[in-house]
Amino acid sequence: MPEELAIDTSVLVRANITLTPERSAATLQAARLSLLRRVQSRQAAVLISERLAAEYGHRITTYKNDFVRLFFELVTQPDGTHIIMNWRTPWGHAELARADACRFPVEDRHVLRTAVRDSRTTIYSEEGRVLAAHPCIRKEFDVVISAP
């Protein structure tokens, strides 16, 4: 079964640059592109929600490379196996309190909500406050938070 993951918009925004050989080889950019390649080759399953998809569309209005363009094409067609819609009901007070206790940023709570499943999943992010919440979020929700 492929790894199930949610991709924070911060990763996509930084991946959405005009690629040159030098830029593609840069360590961070290479990691972002590798993550998008895994999604495109179906080695990873993307967890998506209407709110996260809307945020993607709001923050990225022009595709500057094929990796990001193909990612957008894929996430607009959930298939239940490799592109999985995963936010059907809002959280109750208990879940919100657990996320707050972990100091997970309120403005990114929709990414965490999208990632929570019955089994371990991963959020890929480049935001420091999101990454800093990893130990507590893993314990409370069984969600790993990692840079690409």
C-alpha atoms as a PDB file:
ATOM      1  CA  MET A   1       0.000   0.000   0.000  1.00  0.00           C
ATOM      2  CA  PRO A   2       1.427   3.411  -0.904  1.00  0.00           C
ATOM      3  CA  GLU A   3       2.280   5.962   1.774  1.00  0.00           C
ATOM      4  CA  GLU A   4      -0.692   8.230   2.461  1.00  0.00           C
ATOM      5  CA  LEU A   5       0.266  11.878   2.708  1.00  0.00           C
ATOM      6  CA  ALA A   6      -1.018  15.423   2.780  1.00  0.00           C
ATOM      7  CA  ILE A   7       1.070  18.164   1.203  1.00  0.00           C
ATOM      8  CA  ASP A   8       1.038  21.571   2.827  1.00  0.00           C
ATOM      9  CA  THR A   9       0.646  24.441   0.404  1.00  0.00           C
ATOM     10  CA  SER A  10       4.076  25.752   1.461  1.00  0.00           C
ATOM     11  CA  VAL A  11       5.713  22.825  -0.361  1.00  0.00           C
ATOM     12  CA  LEU A  12       3.749  23.364  -3.575  1.00  0.00           C
ATOM     13  CA  VAL A  13       4.348  27.113  -3.623  1.00  0.00           C
ATOM     14  CA  ARG A  14       8.099  26.569  -3.298  1.00  0.00           C
ATOM     15  CA  ALA A  15       8.060  23.786  -5.905  1.00  0.00           C
ATOM     16  CA  ASN A  16       6.249  26.032  -8.376  1.00  0.00           C
ATOM     17  CA  ILE A  17       9.268  27.725  -9.935  1.00  0.00           C
ATOM     18  CA  THR A  18      10.614  27.814 -13.453  1.00  0.00           C
ATOM     19  CA  LEU A  19      13.031  24.907 -13.532  1.00  0.00           C
ATOM     20  CA  THR A  20      16.600  25.145 -14.726  1.00  0.00           C
ATOM     21  CA  PRO A  21      19.196  22.386 -14.299  1.00  0.00           C
ATOM     22  CA  GLU A  22      20.748  24.281 -11.381  1.00  0.00           C
ATOM     23  CA  ARG A  23      17.418  24.850  -9.651  1.00  0.00           C
ATOM     24  CA  SER A  24      16.275  21.267 -10.188  1.00  0.00           C
ATOM     25  CA  ALA A  25      19.451  19.943  -8.618  1.00  0.00           C
ATOM     26  CA  ALA A  26      19.298  22.202  -5.561  1.00  0.00           C
ATOM     27  CA  THR A  27      18.787  20.001  -2.510  1.00  0.00           C
ATOM     28  CA  LEU A  28      15.455  21.403  -1.287  1.00  0.00           C
ATOM     29  CA  GLN A  29      13.993  21.722  -4.764  1.00  0.00           C
ATOM     30  CA  ALA A  30      15.116  18.192  -5.630  1.00  0.00           C
ATOM     31  CA  ALA A  31      13.315  16.918  -2.513  1.00  0.00           C
ATOM     32  CA  ARG A  32      10.108  18.755  -3.465  1.00  0.00           C
ATOM     33  CA  LEU A  33      10.229  17.397  -7.007  1.00  0.00           C
ATOM     34  CA  SER A  34      10.959  13.893  -5.730  1.00  0.00           C
ATOM     35  CA  LEU A  35       7.826  14.082  -3.564  1.00  0.00           C
ATOM     36  CA  LEU A  36       5.725  15.204  -6.548  1.00  0.00           C
ATOM     37  CA  ARG A  37       7.251  12.423  -8.689  1.00  0.00           C
ATOM     38  CA  ARG A  38       6.219   9.836  -6.072  1.00  0.00           C
ATOM     39  CA  VAL A  39       2.650  11.147  -6.258  1.00  0.00           C
ATOM     40  CA  GLN A  40       2.626  11.136 -10.066  1.00  0.00           C
ATOM     41  CA  SER A  41       4.020   7.602 -10.234  1.00  0.00           C
ATOM     42  CA  ARG A  42       1.417   6.487  -7.661  1.00  0.00           C
ATOM     43  CA  GLN A  43       4.051   5.452  -5.124  1.00  0.00           C
ATOM     44  CA  ALA A  44       2.261   7.754  -2.682  1.00  0.00           C
ATOM     45  CA  ALA A  45      -1.418   8.460  -2.168  1.00  0.00           C
ATOM     46  CA  VAL A  46      -2.446  12.092  -1.634  1.00  0.00           C
ATOM     47  CA  LEU A  47      -4.996  12.942   1.023  1.00  0.00           C
ATOM     48  CA  ILE A  48      -7.028  15.934  -0.084  1.00  0.00           C
ATOM     49  CA  SER A  49      -9.983  17.937   1.185  1.00  0.00           C
ATOM     50  CA  GLU A  50     -12.111  20.612  -0.419  1.00  0.00           C
ATOM     51  CA  ARG A  51     -10.543  23.221   1.834  1.00  0.00           C
ATOM     52  CA  LEU A  52      -6.967  22.164   1.063  1.00  0.00           C
ATOM     53  CA  ALA A  53      -7.693  21.993  -2.671  1.00  0.00           C
ATOM     54  CA  ALA A  54      -9.189  25.491  -2.508  1.00  0.00           C
ATOM     55  CA  GLU A  55      -6.089  26.767  -0.736  1.00  0.00           C
ATOM     56  CA  TYR A  56      -3.876  25.217  -3.424  1.00  0.00           C
ATOM     57  CA  GLY A  57      -5.890  26.971  -6.129  1.00  0.00           C
ATOM     58  CA  HIS A  58      -5.855  30.281  -4.295  1.00  0.00           C
ATOM     59  CA  ARG A  59      -2.092  30.290  -3.691  1.00  0.00           C
ATOM     60  CA  ILE A  60      -1.018  28.877  -7.066  1.00  0.00           C
ATOM     61  CA  THR A  61      -2.719  30.484 -10.028  1.00  0.00           C
ATOM     62  CA  THR A  62      -0.052  29.850 -12.676  1.00  0.00           C
ATOM     63  CA  TYR A  63       1.867  26.616 -13.134  1.00  0.00           C
ATOM     64  CA  LYS A  64       5.556  27.288 -13.672  1.00  0.00           C
ATOM     65  CA  ASN A  65       6.569  23.671 -14.252  1.00  0.00           C
ATOM     66  CA  ASP A  66       5.069  20.340 -15.284  1.00  0.00           C
ATOM     67  CA  PHE A  67       5.438  18.760 -11.825  1.00  0.00           C
ATOM     68  CA  VAL A  68       3.038  21.233 -10.248  1.00  0.00           C
ATOM     69  CA  ARG A  69       0.688  21.229 -13.253  1.00  0.00           C
ATOM     70  CA  LEU A  70       0.425  17.416 -13.172  1.00  0.00           C
ATOM     71  CA  PHE A  71      -0.107  17.452  -9.405  1.00  0.00           C
ATOM     72  CA  PHE A  72      -3.066  19.807  -9.859  1.00  0.00           C
ATOM     73  CA  GLU A  73      -4.501  17.616 -12.600  1.00  0.00           C
ATOM     74  CA  LEU A  74      -4.320  14.592 -10.315  1.00  0.00           C
ATOM     75  CA  VAL A  75      -5.814  16.147  -7.183  1.00  0.00           C
ATOM     76  CA  THR A  76      -8.869  17.392  -9.065  1.00  0.00           C
ATOM     77  CA  GLN A  77      -9.830  13.786  -9.824  1.00  0.00           C
ATOM     78  CA  PRO A  78     -10.043  11.823  -6.544  1.00  0.00           C
ATOM     79  CA  ASP A  79     -10.121   8.089  -7.228  1.00  0.00           C
ATOM     80  CA  GLY A  80     -10.270   6.790  -3.651  1.00  0.00           C
ATOM     81  CA  THR A  81      -6.971   4.923  -4.031  1.00  0.00           C
ATOM     82  CA  HIS A  82      -4.232   7.369  -4.991  1.00  0.00           C
ATOM     83  CA  ILE A  83      -6.098  10.648  -4.565  1.00  0.00           C
ATOM     84  CA  ILE A  84      -8.268  10.314  -1.466  1.00  0.00           C
ATOM     85  CA  MET A  85     -10.861  12.816  -0.232  1.00  0.00           C
ATOM     86  CA  ASN A  86     -10.444  12.624   3.528  1.00  0.00           C
ATOM     87  CA  TRP A  87     -12.435  15.279   5.341  1.00  0.00           C
ATOM     88  CA  ARG A  88     -16.087  14.571   5.604  1.00  0.00           C
ATOM     89  CA  THR A  89     -16.993  15.825   9.058  1.00  0.00           C
ATOM     90  CA  PRO A  90     -15.697  18.721  11.143  1.00  0.00           C
ATOM     91  CA  TRP A  91     -13.761  18.037  14.309  1.00  0.00           C
ATOM     92  CA  GLY A  92     -15.341  18.204  17.729  1.00  0.00           C
ATOM     93  CA  HIS A  93     -13.990  20.110  20.708  1.00  0.00           C
ATOM     94  CA  ALA A  94     -11.813  17.194  21.889  1.00  0.00           C
ATOM     95  CA  GLU A  95      -9.835  16.960  18.641  1.00  0.00           C
ATOM     96  CA  LEU A  96      -9.463  20.735  18.422  1.00  0.00           C
ATOM     97  CA  ALA A  97      -8.186  20.830  22.006  1.00  0.00           C
ATOM     98  CA  ARG A  98      -5.623  18.097  21.236  1.00  0.00           C
ATOM     99  CA  ALA A  99      -4.342  20.019  18.200  1.00  0.00           C
ATOM    100  CA  ASP A 100      -4.166  23.232  20.244  1.00  0.00           C
ATOM    101  CA  ALA A 101      -2.296  21.458  23.050  1.00  0.00           C
ATOM    102  CA  CYS A 102       0.279  20.395  20.452  1.00  0.00           C
ATOM    103  CA  ARG A 103       0.653  24.053  19.402  1.00  0.00           C
ATOM    104  CA  PHE A 104      -0.291  23.159  15.853  1.00  0.00           C
ATOM    105  CA  PRO A 105      -0.905  26.429  13.961  1.00  0.00           C
ATOM    106  CA  VAL A 106      -4.606  27.247  13.800  1.00  0.00           C
ATOM    107  CA  GLU A 107      -4.281  28.528  10.220  1.00  0.00           C
ATOM    108  CA  ASP A 108      -2.997  25.096   9.114  1.00  0.00           C
ATOM    109  CA  ARG A 109      -5.443  22.982  11.075  1.00  0.00           C
ATOM    110  CA  HIS A 110      -7.227  21.998   7.844  1.00  0.00           C
ATOM    111  CA  VAL A 111      -4.019  20.262   6.680  1.00  0.00           C
ATOM    112  CA  LEU A 112      -3.887  18.210   9.885  1.00  0.00           C
ATOM    113  CA  ARG A 113      -7.597  17.402   9.650  1.00  0.00           C
ATOM    114  CA  THR A 114      -7.082  16.209   6.083  1.00  0.00           C
ATOM    115  CA  ALA A 115      -4.200  13.958   7.144  1.00  0.00           C
ATOM    116  CA  VAL A 116      -5.876  12.187  10.085  1.00  0.00           C
ATOM    117  CA  ARG A 117      -6.879   8.603   9.226  1.00  0.00           C
ATOM    118  CA  ASP A 118      -7.167   5.261  11.012  1.00  0.00           C
ATOM    119  CA  SER A 119      -3.554   4.486  10.110  1.00  0.00           C
ATOM    120  CA  ARG A 120      -0.328   6.505  10.149  1.00  0.00           C
ATOM    121  CA  THR A 121      -0.050   9.238   7.539  1.00  0.00           C
ATOM    122  CA  THR A 122       2.449  11.997   6.798  1.00  0.00           C
ATOM    123  CA  ILE A 123       2.153  15.746   6.332  1.00  0.00           C
ATOM    124  CA  TYR A 124       4.893  17.280   4.214  1.00  0.00           C
ATOM    125  CA  SER A 125       5.466  20.911   5.118  1.00  0.00           C
ATOM    126  CA  GLU A 126       8.166  23.544   5.117  1.00  0.00           C
ATOM    127  CA  GLU A 127       6.641  25.765   7.784  1.00  0.00           C
ATOM    128  CA  GLY A 128       8.659  25.863  10.988  1.00  0.00           C
ATOM    129  CA  ARG A 129       5.684  25.973  13.368  1.00  0.00           C
ATOM    130  CA  VAL A 130       4.078  22.977  11.659  1.00  0.00           C
ATOM    131  CA  LEU A 131       7.327  20.987  11.749  1.00  0.00           C
ATOM    132  CA  ALA A 132       7.892  21.890  15.417  1.00  0.00           C
ATOM    133  CA  ALA A 133       4.563  20.281  16.368  1.00  0.00           C
ATOM    134  CA  HIS A 134       5.660  16.865  15.022  1.00  0.00           C
ATOM    135  CA  PRO A 135       6.391  14.966  18.280  1.00  0.00           C
ATOM    136  CA  CYS A 136       3.075  15.859  19.879  1.00  0.00           C
ATOM    137  CA  ILE A 137       1.008  15.444  16.700  1.00  0.00           C
ATOM    138  CA  ARG A 138       2.527  12.012  16.092  1.00  0.00           C
ATOM    139  CA  LYS A 139       1.622  10.961  19.621  1.00  0.00           C
ATOM    140  CA  GLU A 140      -1.893  12.436  19.568  1.00  0.00           C
ATOM    141  CA  PHE A 141      -2.994  11.725  15.989  1.00  0.00           C
ATOM    142  CA  ASP A 142      -0.460   9.212  14.581  1.00  0.00           C
ATOM    143  CA  VAL A 143       0.489  11.728  11.893  1.00  0.00           C
ATOM    144  CA  VAL A 144       4.152  12.227  11.011  1.00  0.00           C
ATOM    145  CA  ILE A 145       5.180  15.747  10.025  1.00  0.00           C
ATOM    146  CA  SER A 146       8.243  16.040   7.834  1.00  0.00           C
ATOM    147  CA  ALA A 147      10.002  18.313   5.391  1.00  0.00           C
ATOM    148  CA  PRO A 148       9.974  16.921   1.843  1.00  0.00           C
END
